[in-house]
Amino acid sequence: MKNSEISLIFSDIAAMLRLKKDNIFKIRAYEKVARSINELKEPVEKMAAEDRLWEIPGAGEAITKKLTELVTTGKLAYYEKLRAEFPEHTGSTPLSGAA
């Protein structure tokens, strides 16, 4: 999965959390990590394989776990759960599972 795809998914999560009126700090964390991933010079998949996701600005423990799930399985359960709550929200990108 490309960094741009991963970044879009995390931006989409932030947008849906904003619609839910979730914690602003949580929303900002997802926005920050989405920007950071978009600006990375190396693939997130490579960083995950090298256990270096913590180096991504904004990637705390919870987001690191989500990144690991996404790059290893091509899916993210949390994202799918949010999308189910907002069927009218088409999102930035479909999560097709293509890696």
PDB file of N, CA and C in Angstrom:
ATOM      1  N   MET A   1       0.849  -1.178   0.000  1.00  0.00           N
ATOM      2  CA  MET A   1       0.000   0.000   0.000  1.00  0.00           C
ATOM      3  C   MET A   1       0.894   1.241   0.000  1.00  0.00           C
ATOM      4  N   LYS A   2       0.576   2.176  -0.854  1.00  0.00           N
ATOM      5  CA  LYS A   2       1.379   3.391  -0.986  1.00  0.00           C
ATOM      6  C   LYS A   2       1.128   4.348   0.176  1.00  0.00           C
ATOM      7  N   ASN A   3       2.138   5.171   0.456  1.00  0.00           N
ATOM      8  CA  ASN A   3       2.002   6.163   1.524  1.00  0.00           C
ATOM      9  C   ASN A   3       0.813   7.083   1.274  1.00  0.00           C
ATOM     10  N   SER A   4       0.605   7.461   0.021  1.00  0.00           N
ATOM     11  CA  SER A   4      -0.507   8.367  -0.295  1.00  0.00           C
ATOM     12  C   SER A   4      -1.846   7.730   0.061  1.00  0.00           C
ATOM     13  N   GLU A   5      -1.986   6.424  -0.165  1.00  0.00           N
ATOM     14  CA  GLU A   5      -3.229   5.722   0.188  1.00  0.00           C
ATOM     15  C   GLU A   5      -3.414   5.670   1.698  1.00  0.00           C
ATOM     16  N   ILE A   6      -2.333   5.390   2.403  1.00  0.00           N
ATOM     17  CA  ILE A   6      -2.380   5.323   3.867  1.00  0.00           C
ATOM     18  C   ILE A   6      -2.742   6.699   4.428  1.00  0.00           C
ATOM     19  N   SER A   7      -2.121   7.733   3.886  1.00  0.00           N
ATOM     20  CA  SER A   7      -2.391   9.100   4.317  1.00  0.00           C
ATOM     21  C   SER A   7      -3.864   9.457   4.121  1.00  0.00           C
ATOM     22  N   LEU A   8      -4.435   9.078   2.994  1.00  0.00           N
ATOM     23  CA  LEU A   8      -5.848   9.355   2.732  1.00  0.00           C
ATOM     24  C   LEU A   8      -6.766   8.652   3.722  1.00  0.00           C
ATOM     25  N   ILE A   9      -6.415   7.442   4.081  1.00  0.00           N
ATOM     26  CA  ILE A   9      -7.224   6.690   5.048  1.00  0.00           C
ATOM     27  C   ILE A   9      -7.210   7.392   6.408  1.00  0.00           C
ATOM     28  N   PHE A  10      -6.025   7.836   6.839  1.00  0.00           N
ATOM     29  CA  PHE A  10      -5.945   8.510   8.135  1.00  0.00           C
ATOM     30  C   PHE A  10      -6.604   9.888   8.095  1.00  0.00           C
ATOM     31  N   SER A  11      -6.567  10.568   6.956  1.00  0.00           N
ATOM     32  CA  SER A  11      -7.297  11.831   6.797  1.00  0.00           C
ATOM     33  C   SER A  11      -8.792  11.578   6.866  1.00  0.00           C
ATOM     34  N   ASP A  12      -9.218  10.498   6.251  1.00  0.00           N
ATOM     35  CA  ASP A  12     -10.623  10.124   6.255  1.00  0.00           C
ATOM     36  C   ASP A  12     -11.093   9.796   7.673  1.00  0.00           C
ATOM     37  N   ILE A  13     -10.263   9.103   8.427  1.00  0.00           N
ATOM     38  CA  ILE A  13     -10.594   8.809   9.825  1.00  0.00           C
ATOM     39  C   ILE A  13     -10.791  10.118  10.583  1.00  0.00           C
ATOM     40  N   ALA A  14      -9.885  11.066  10.394  1.00  0.00           N
ATOM     41  CA  ALA A  14     -10.001  12.364  11.070  1.00  0.00           C
ATOM     42  C   ALA A  14     -11.307  13.053  10.694  1.00  0.00           C
ATOM     43  N   ALA A  15     -11.670  12.998   9.420  1.00  0.00           N
ATOM     44  CA  ALA A  15     -12.907  13.637   8.963  1.00  0.00           C
ATOM     45  C   ALA A  15     -14.133  12.996   9.612  1.00  0.00           C
ATOM     46  N   MET A  16     -14.145  11.683   9.689  1.00  0.00           N
ATOM     47  CA  MET A  16     -15.287  11.007  10.308  1.00  0.00           C
ATOM     48  C   MET A  16     -15.346  11.272  11.815  1.00  0.00           C
ATOM     49  N   LEU A  17     -14.186  11.327  12.462  1.00  0.00           N
ATOM     50  CA  LEU A  17     -14.168  11.652  13.891  1.00  0.00           C
ATOM     51  C   LEU A  17     -14.680  13.070  14.114  1.00  0.00           C
ATOM     52  N   ARG A  18     -14.375  13.962  13.183  1.00  0.00           N
ATOM     53  CA  ARG A  18     -14.876  15.337  13.274  1.00  0.00           C
ATOM     54  C   ARG A  18     -16.406  15.344  13.155  1.00  0.00           C
ATOM     55  N   LEU A  19     -16.940  14.531  12.253  1.00  0.00           N
ATOM     56  CA  LEU A  19     -18.391  14.420  12.106  1.00  0.00           C
ATOM     57  C   LEU A  19     -19.045  13.887  13.386  1.00  0.00           C
ATOM     58  N   LYS A  20     -18.314  12.999  14.080  1.00  0.00           N
ATOM     59  CA  LYS A  20     -18.825  12.432  15.338  1.00  0.00           C
ATOM     60  C   LYS A  20     -18.654  13.394  16.505  1.00  0.00           C
ATOM     61  N   LYS A  21     -17.972  14.513  16.240  1.00  0.00           N
ATOM     62  CA  LYS A  21     -17.640  15.481  17.294  1.00  0.00           C
ATOM     63  C   LYS A  21     -16.798  14.829  18.388  1.00  0.00           C
ATOM     64  N   ASP A  22     -15.849  14.015  17.947  1.00  0.00           N
ATOM     65  CA  ASP A  22     -14.943  13.314  18.860  1.00  0.00           C
ATOM     66  C   ASP A  22     -13.939  14.312  19.456  1.00  0.00           C
ATOM     67  N   ASN A  23     -13.086  13.825  20.295  1.00  0.00           N
ATOM     68  CA  ASN A  23     -12.058  14.627  20.952  1.00  0.00           C
ATOM     69  C   ASN A  23     -11.178  15.322  19.911  1.00  0.00           C
ATOM     70  N   ILE A  24     -11.054  16.641  20.033  1.00  0.00           N
ATOM     71  CA  ILE A  24     -10.300  17.430  19.056  1.00  0.00           C
ATOM     72  C   ILE A  24      -8.828  17.012  18.998  1.00  0.00           C
ATOM     73  N   PHE A  25      -8.273  16.595  20.124  1.00  0.00           N
ATOM     74  CA  PHE A  25      -6.869  16.197  20.144  1.00  0.00           C
ATOM     75  C   PHE A  25      -6.665  14.886  19.374  1.00  0.00           C
ATOM     76  N   LYS A  26      -7.641  14.001  19.466  1.00  0.00           N
ATOM     77  CA  LYS A  26      -7.609  12.748  18.716  1.00  0.00           C
ATOM     78  C   LYS A  26      -7.700  13.046  17.216  1.00  0.00           C
ATOM     79  N   ILE A  27      -8.604  13.935  16.856  1.00  0.00           N
ATOM     80  CA  ILE A  27      -8.766  14.328  15.446  1.00  0.00           C
ATOM     81  C   ILE A  27      -7.461  14.917  14.919  1.00  0.00           C
ATOM     82  N   ARG A  28      -6.879  15.811  15.681  1.00  0.00           N
ATOM     83  CA  ARG A  28      -5.619  16.449  15.259  1.00  0.00           C
ATOM     84  C   ARG A  28      -4.484  15.438  15.141  1.00  0.00           C
ATOM     85  N   ALA A  29      -4.475  14.433  15.988  1.00  0.00           N
ATOM     86  CA  ALA A  29      -3.435  13.395  15.907  1.00  0.00           C
ATOM     87  C   ALA A  29      -3.535  12.648  14.578  1.00  0.00           C
ATOM     88  N   TYR A  30      -4.762  12.307  14.172  1.00  0.00           N
ATOM     89  CA  TYR A  30      -4.943  11.620  12.890  1.00  0.00           C
ATOM     90  C   TYR A  30      -4.583  12.530  11.723  1.00  0.00           C
ATOM     91  N   GLU A  31      -4.934  13.806  11.826  1.00  0.00           N
ATOM     92  CA  GLU A  31      -4.575  14.760  10.770  1.00  0.00           C
ATOM     93  C   GLU A  31      -3.062  14.910  10.671  1.00  0.00           C
ATOM     94  N   LYS A  32      -2.404  14.989  11.826  1.00  0.00           N
ATOM     95  CA  LYS A  32      -0.943  15.165  11.839  1.00  0.00           C
ATOM     96  C   LYS A  32      -0.244  13.953  11.238  1.00  0.00           C
ATOM     97  N   VAL A  33      -0.658  12.757  11.640  1.00  0.00           N
ATOM     98  CA  VAL A  33       0.011  11.568  11.119  1.00  0.00           C
ATOM     99  C   VAL A  33      -0.270  11.412   9.621  1.00  0.00           C
ATOM    100  N   ALA A  34      -1.447  11.814   9.173  1.00  0.00           N
ATOM    101  CA  ALA A  34      -1.757  11.753   7.741  1.00  0.00           C
ATOM    102  C   ALA A  34      -0.808  12.666   6.962  1.00  0.00           C
ATOM    103  N   ARG A  35      -0.596  13.881   7.454  1.00  0.00           N
ATOM    104  CA  ARG A  35       0.344  14.811   6.805  1.00  0.00           C
ATOM    105  C   ARG A  35       1.768  14.257   6.840  1.00  0.00           C
ATOM    106  N   SER A  36       2.156  13.729   7.993  1.00  0.00           N
ATOM    107  CA  SER A  36       3.519  13.193   8.142  1.00  0.00           C
ATOM    108  C   SER A  36       3.767  12.053   7.163  1.00  0.00           C
ATOM    109  N   ILE A  37       2.809  11.148   7.036  1.00  0.00           N
ATOM    110  CA  ILE A  37       2.944  10.005   6.132  1.00  0.00           C
ATOM    111  C   ILE A  37       3.042  10.485   4.694  1.00  0.00           C
ATOM    112  N   ASN A  38       2.265  11.483   4.358  1.00  0.00           N
ATOM    113  CA  ASN A  38       2.273  12.026   3.003  1.00  0.00           C
ATOM    114  C   ASN A  38       3.632  12.642   2.652  1.00  0.00           C
ATOM    115  N   GLU A  39       4.350  13.122   3.656  1.00  0.00           N
ATOM    116  CA  GLU A  39       5.632  13.783   3.440  1.00  0.00           C
ATOM    117  C   GLU A  39       6.833  12.852   3.601  1.00  0.00           C
ATOM    118  N   LEU A  40       6.608  11.611   3.995  1.00  0.00           N
ATOM    119  CA  LEU A  40       7.714  10.673   4.208  1.00  0.00           C
ATOM    120  C   LEU A  40       8.482  10.407   2.925  1.00  0.00           C
ATOM    121  N   LYS A  41       9.777  10.204   3.078  1.00  0.00           N
ATOM    122  CA  LYS A  41      10.644   9.887   1.937  1.00  0.00           C
ATOM    123  C   LYS A  41      10.739   8.384   1.695  1.00  0.00           C
ATOM    124  N   GLU A  42      10.315   7.583   2.674  1.00  0.00           N
ATOM    125  CA  GLU A  42      10.375   6.133   2.508  1.00  0.00           C
ATOM    126  C   GLU A  42       9.007   5.519   2.784  1.00  0.00           C
ATOM    127  N   PRO A  43       8.758   4.335   2.253  1.00  0.00           N
ATOM    128  CA  PRO A  43       7.451   3.699   2.421  1.00  0.00           C
ATOM    129  C   PRO A  43       7.163   3.319   3.876  1.00  0.00           C
ATOM    130  N   VAL A  44       5.926   3.524   4.277  1.00  0.00           N
ATOM    131  CA  VAL A  44       5.483   3.130   5.612  1.00  0.00           C
ATOM    132  C   VAL A  44       5.682   1.630   5.792  1.00  0.00           C
ATOM    133  N   GLU A  45       5.427   0.852   4.727  1.00  0.00           N
ATOM    134  CA  GLU A  45       5.597  -0.601   4.807  1.00  0.00           C
ATOM    135  C   GLU A  45       7.021  -0.976   5.203  1.00  0.00           C
ATOM    136  N   LYS A  46       7.997  -0.269   4.633  1.00  0.00           N
ATOM    137  CA  LYS A  46       9.407  -0.526   4.967  1.00  0.00           C
ATOM    138  C   LYS A  46       9.671  -0.177   6.429  1.00  0.00           C
ATOM    139  N   MET A  47       9.142   0.961   6.867  1.00  0.00           N
ATOM    140  CA  MET A  47       9.334   1.368   8.259  1.00  0.00           C
ATOM    141  C   MET A  47       8.685   0.369   9.210  1.00  0.00           C
ATOM    142  N   ALA A  48       7.528  -0.160   8.837  1.00  0.00           N
ATOM    143  CA  ALA A  48       6.850  -1.156   9.679  1.00  0.00           C
ATOM    144  C   ALA A  48       7.683  -2.419   9.766  1.00  0.00           C
ATOM    145  N   ALA A  49       8.226  -2.854   8.645  1.00  0.00           N
ATOM    146  CA  ALA A  49       9.044  -4.068   8.614  1.00  0.00           C
ATOM    147  C   ALA A  49      10.295  -3.913   9.481  1.00  0.00           C
ATOM    148  N   GLU A  50      10.782  -2.689   9.590  1.00  0.00           N
ATOM    149  CA  GLU A  50      11.983  -2.400  10.382  1.00  0.00           C
ATOM    150  C   GLU A  50      11.637  -1.948  11.805  1.00  0.00           C
ATOM    151  N   ASP A  51      10.344  -2.039  12.195  1.00  0.00           N
ATOM    152  CA  ASP A  51       9.875  -1.638  13.520  1.00  0.00           C
ATOM    153  C   ASP A  51      10.273  -0.192  13.837  1.00  0.00           C
ATOM    154  N   ARG A  52      10.023   0.701  12.869  1.00  0.00           N
ATOM    155  CA  ARG A  52      10.400   2.109  13.017  1.00  0.00           C
ATOM    156  C   ARG A  52       9.219   3.059  12.866  1.00  0.00           C
ATOM    157  N   LEU A  53       8.002   2.565  13.003  1.00  0.00           N
ATOM    158  CA  LEU A  53       6.828   3.432  12.834  1.00  0.00           C
ATOM    159  C   LEU A  53       6.797   4.568  13.848  1.00  0.00           C
ATOM    160  N   TRP A  54       7.383   4.355  15.002  1.00  0.00           N
ATOM    161  CA  TRP A  54       7.428   5.385  16.037  1.00  0.00           C
ATOM    162  C   TRP A  54       8.166   6.636  15.572  1.00  0.00           C
ATOM    163  N   GLU A  55       8.962   6.522  14.483  1.00  0.00           N
ATOM    164  CA  GLU A  55       9.694   7.670  13.950  1.00  0.00           C
ATOM    165  C   GLU A  55       8.791   8.638  13.182  1.00  0.00           C
ATOM    166  N   ILE A  56       7.590   8.208  12.833  1.00  0.00           N
ATOM    167  CA  ILE A  56       6.674   9.063  12.085  1.00  0.00           C
ATOM    168  C   ILE A  56       6.082  10.097  13.047  1.00  0.00           C
ATOM    169  N   PRO A  57       6.254  11.383  12.746  1.00  0.00           N
ATOM    170  CA  PRO A  57       5.694  12.404  13.633  1.00  0.00           C
ATOM    171  C   PRO A  57       4.184  12.230  13.806  1.00  0.00           C
ATOM    172  N   GLY A  58       3.760  12.179  15.062  1.00  0.00           N
ATOM    173  CA  GLY A  58       2.344  12.027  15.372  1.00  0.00           C
ATOM    174  C   GLY A  58       1.903  10.593  15.594  1.00  0.00           C
ATOM    175  N   ALA A  59       2.790   9.644  15.333  1.00  0.00           N
ATOM    176  CA  ALA A  59       2.429   8.226  15.477  1.00  0.00           C
ATOM    177  C   ALA A  59       2.733   7.743  16.889  1.00  0.00           C
ATOM    178  N   GLY A  60       1.707   7.804  17.731  1.00  0.00           N
ATOM    179  CA  GLY A  60       1.828   7.261  19.077  1.00  0.00           C
ATOM    180  C   GLY A  60       1.512   5.773  19.058  1.00  0.00           C
ATOM    181  N   GLU A  61       1.340   5.209  20.221  1.00  0.00           N
ATOM    182  CA  GLU A  61       1.124   3.764  20.332  1.00  0.00           C
ATOM    183  C   GLU A  61      -0.125   3.289  19.586  1.00  0.00           C
ATOM    184  N   ALA A  62      -1.252   3.972  19.775  1.00  0.00           N
ATOM    185  CA  ALA A  62      -2.503   3.544  19.135  1.00  0.00           C
ATOM    186  C   ALA A  62      -2.425   3.652  17.616  1.00  0.00           C
ATOM    187  N   ILE A  63      -1.884   4.748  17.119  1.00  0.00           N
ATOM    188  CA  ILE A  63      -1.781   4.933  15.666  1.00  0.00           C
ATOM    189  C   ILE A  63      -0.756   3.969  15.077  1.00  0.00           C
ATOM    190  N   THR A  64       0.321   3.714  15.790  1.00  0.00           N
ATOM    191  CA  THR A  64       1.322   2.758  15.320  1.00  0.00           C
ATOM    192  C   THR A  64       0.698   1.375  15.144  1.00  0.00           C
ATOM    193  N   LYS A  65      -0.147   0.971  16.094  1.00  0.00           N
ATOM    194  CA  LYS A  65      -0.833  -0.322  15.974  1.00  0.00           C
ATOM    195  C   LYS A  65      -1.735  -0.347  14.748  1.00  0.00           C
ATOM    196  N   LYS A  66      -2.432   0.754  14.508  1.00  0.00           N
ATOM    197  CA  LYS A  66      -3.315   0.828  13.342  1.00  0.00           C
ATOM    198  C   LYS A  66      -2.507   0.787  12.042  1.00  0.00           C
ATOM    199  N   LEU A  67      -1.388   1.479  12.019  1.00  0.00           N
ATOM    200  CA  LEU A  67      -0.522   1.449  10.832  1.00  0.00           C
ATOM    201  C   LEU A  67      -0.013   0.038  10.566  1.00  0.00           C
ATOM    202  N   THR A  68       0.378  -0.645  11.616  1.00  0.00           N
ATOM    203  CA  THR A  68       0.872  -2.017  11.486  1.00  0.00           C
ATOM    204  C   THR A  68      -0.219  -2.915  10.921  1.00  0.00           C
ATOM    205  N   GLU A  69      -1.425  -2.805  11.461  1.00  0.00           N
ATOM    206  CA  GLU A  69      -2.549  -3.603  10.963  1.00  0.00           C
ATOM    207  C   GLU A  69      -2.803  -3.306   9.482  1.00  0.00           C
ATOM    208  N   LEU A  70      -2.785  -2.048   9.127  1.00  0.00           N
ATOM    209  CA  LEU A  70      -3.077  -1.645   7.758  1.00  0.00           C
ATOM    210  C   LEU A  70      -2.036  -2.152   6.766  1.00  0.00           C
ATOM    211  N   VAL A  71      -0.753  -2.015   7.103  1.00  0.00           N
ATOM    212  CA  VAL A  71       0.274  -2.436   6.140  1.00  0.00           C
ATOM    213  C   VAL A  71       0.461  -3.951   6.105  1.00  0.00           C
ATOM    214  N   THR A  72       0.128  -4.643   7.185  1.00  0.00           N
ATOM    215  CA  THR A  72       0.303  -6.098   7.177  1.00  0.00           C
ATOM    216  C   THR A  72      -0.902  -6.840   6.604  1.00  0.00           C
ATOM    217  N   THR A  73      -2.106  -6.279   6.787  1.00  0.00           N
ATOM    218  CA  THR A  73      -3.303  -6.980   6.317  1.00  0.00           C
ATOM    219  C   THR A  73      -3.978  -6.303   5.124  1.00  0.00           C
ATOM    220  N   GLY A  74      -3.643  -5.035   4.893  1.00  0.00           N
ATOM    221  CA  GLY A  74      -4.309  -4.289   3.827  1.00  0.00           C
ATOM    222  C   GLY A  74      -5.665  -3.764   4.253  1.00  0.00           C
ATOM    223  N   LYS A  75      -6.019  -3.976   5.521  1.00  0.00           N
ATOM    224  CA  LYS A  75      -7.303  -3.529   6.057  1.00  0.00           C
ATOM    225  C   LYS A  75      -7.099  -2.894   7.418  1.00  0.00           C
ATOM    226  N   LEU A  76      -8.088  -2.117   7.819  1.00  0.00           N
ATOM    227  CA  LEU A  76      -8.046  -1.500   9.134  1.00  0.00           C
ATOM    228  C   LEU A  76      -9.447  -1.565   9.728  1.00  0.00           C
ATOM    229  N   ALA A  77      -9.615  -2.411  10.721  1.00  0.00           N
ATOM    230  CA  ALA A  77     -10.930  -2.637  11.331  1.00  0.00           C
ATOM    231  C   ALA A  77     -11.541  -1.343  11.863  1.00  0.00           C
ATOM    232  N   TYR A  78     -10.743  -0.500  12.480  1.00  0.00           N
ATOM    233  CA  TYR A  78     -11.233   0.769  13.031  1.00  0.00           C
ATOM    234  C   TYR A  78     -11.828   1.641  11.925  1.00  0.00           C
ATOM    235  N   TYR A  79     -11.152   1.692  10.796  1.00  0.00           N
ATOM    236  CA  TYR A  79     -11.622   2.481   9.650  1.00  0.00           C
ATOM    237  C   TYR A  79     -12.935   1.921   9.120  1.00  0.00           C
ATOM    238  N   GLU A  80     -13.004   0.613   8.994  1.00  0.00           N
ATOM    239  CA  GLU A  80     -14.228  -0.025   8.503  1.00  0.00           C
ATOM    240  C   GLU A  80     -15.402   0.230   9.453  1.00  0.00           C
ATOM    241  N   LYS A  81     -15.132   0.201  10.757  1.00  0.00           N
ATOM    242  CA  LYS A  81     -16.167   0.462  11.759  1.00  0.00           C
ATOM    243  C   LYS A  81     -16.688   1.893  11.622  1.00  0.00           C
ATOM    244  N   LEU A  82     -15.782   2.847  11.467  1.00  0.00           N
ATOM    245  CA  LEU A  82     -16.196   4.243  11.289  1.00  0.00           C
ATOM    246  C   LEU A  82     -17.002   4.417  10.008  1.00  0.00           C
ATOM    247  N   ARG A  83     -16.553   3.776   8.934  1.00  0.00           N
ATOM    248  CA  ARG A  83     -17.262   3.886   7.655  1.00  0.00           C
ATOM    249  C   ARG A  83     -18.676   3.315   7.769  1.00  0.00           C
ATOM    250  N   ALA A  84     -18.839   2.279   8.574  1.00  0.00           N
ATOM    251  CA  ALA A  84     -20.167   1.687   8.774  1.00  0.00           C
ATOM    252  C   ALA A  84     -21.097   2.658   9.514  1.00  0.00           C
ATOM    253  N   GLU A  85     -20.524   3.503  10.351  1.00  0.00           N
ATOM    254  CA  GLU A  85     -21.307   4.499  11.088  1.00  0.00           C
ATOM    255  C   GLU A  85     -21.740   5.654  10.188  1.00  0.00           C
ATOM    256  N   PHE A  86     -21.006   5.852   9.090  1.00  0.00           N
ATOM    257  CA  PHE A  86     -21.276   6.958   8.181  1.00  0.00           C
ATOM    258  C   PHE A  86     -21.407   6.443   6.753  1.00  0.00           C
ATOM    259  N   PRO A  87     -22.462   5.694   6.458  1.00  0.00           N
ATOM    260  CA  PRO A  87     -22.603   5.142   5.106  1.00  0.00           C
ATOM    261  C   PRO A  87     -22.705   6.219   4.031  1.00  0.00           C
ATOM    262  N   GLU A  88     -23.175   7.415   4.416  1.00  0.00           N
ATOM    263  CA  GLU A  88     -23.280   8.501   3.446  1.00  0.00           C
ATOM    264  C   GLU A  88     -21.935   9.168   3.181  1.00  0.00           C
ATOM    265  N   HIS A  89     -20.959   8.913   4.049  1.00  0.00           N
ATOM    266  CA  HIS A  89     -19.621   9.485   3.899  1.00  0.00           C
ATOM    267  C   HIS A  89     -18.823   8.587   2.974  1.00  0.00           C
ATOM    268  N   THR A  90     -18.595   9.033   1.750  1.00  0.00           N
ATOM    269  CA  THR A  90     -17.911   8.193   0.772  1.00  0.00           C
ATOM    270  C   THR A  90     -16.421   8.106   1.048  1.00  0.00           C
ATOM    271  N   GLY A  91     -15.878   9.079   1.746  1.00  0.00           N
ATOM    272  CA  GLY A  91     -14.471   9.035   2.101  1.00  0.00           C
ATOM    273  C   GLY A  91     -13.567   9.425   0.955  1.00  0.00           C
ATOM    274  N   SER A  92     -12.290   9.500   1.271  1.00  0.00           N
ATOM    275  CA  SER A  92     -11.284   9.896   0.301  1.00  0.00           C
ATOM    276  C   SER A  92     -10.872   8.761  -0.596  1.00  0.00           C
ATOM    277  N   THR A  93     -10.929   7.560  -0.051  1.00  0.00           N
ATOM    278  CA  THR A  93     -10.436   6.408  -0.802  1.00  0.00           C
ATOM    279  C   THR A  93     -11.152   5.159  -0.341  1.00  0.00           C
ATOM    280  N   PRO A  94     -11.482   4.269  -1.236  1.00  0.00           N
ATOM    281  CA  PRO A  94     -12.021   2.981  -0.788  1.00  0.00           C
ATOM    282  C   PRO A  94     -10.886   2.130  -0.241  1.00  0.00           C
ATOM    283  N   LEU A  95     -11.168   1.358   0.750  1.00  0.00           N
ATOM    284  CA  LEU A  95     -10.159   0.457   1.299  1.00  0.00           C
ATOM    285  C   LEU A  95     -10.373  -0.891   0.634  1.00  0.00           C
ATOM    286  N   SER A  96      -9.661  -1.103  -0.455  1.00  0.00           N
ATOM    287  CA  SER A  96      -9.890  -2.291  -1.268  1.00  0.00           C
ATOM    288  C   SER A  96      -9.093  -3.493  -0.800  1.00  0.00           C
ATOM    289  N   GLY A  97      -8.091  -3.255   0.032  1.00  0.00           N
ATOM    290  CA  GLY A  97      -7.249  -4.364   0.464  1.00  0.00           C
ATOM    291  C   GLY A  97      -6.074  -4.584  -0.464  1.00  0.00           C
ATOM    292  N   ALA A  98      -5.982  -3.800  -1.520  1.00  0.00           N
ATOM    293  CA  ALA A  98      -4.847  -3.936  -2.436  1.00  0.00           C
ATOM    294  C   ALA A  98      -3.611  -3.382  -1.770  1.00  0.00           C
ATOM    295  N   ALA A  99      -2.552  -4.124  -1.820  1.00  0.00           N
ATOM    296  CA  ALA A  99      -1.321  -3.682  -1.166  1.00  0.00           C
ATOM    297  C   ALA A  99      -0.298  -3.218  -2.177  1.00  0.00           C
TER     298      ALA A  99
END
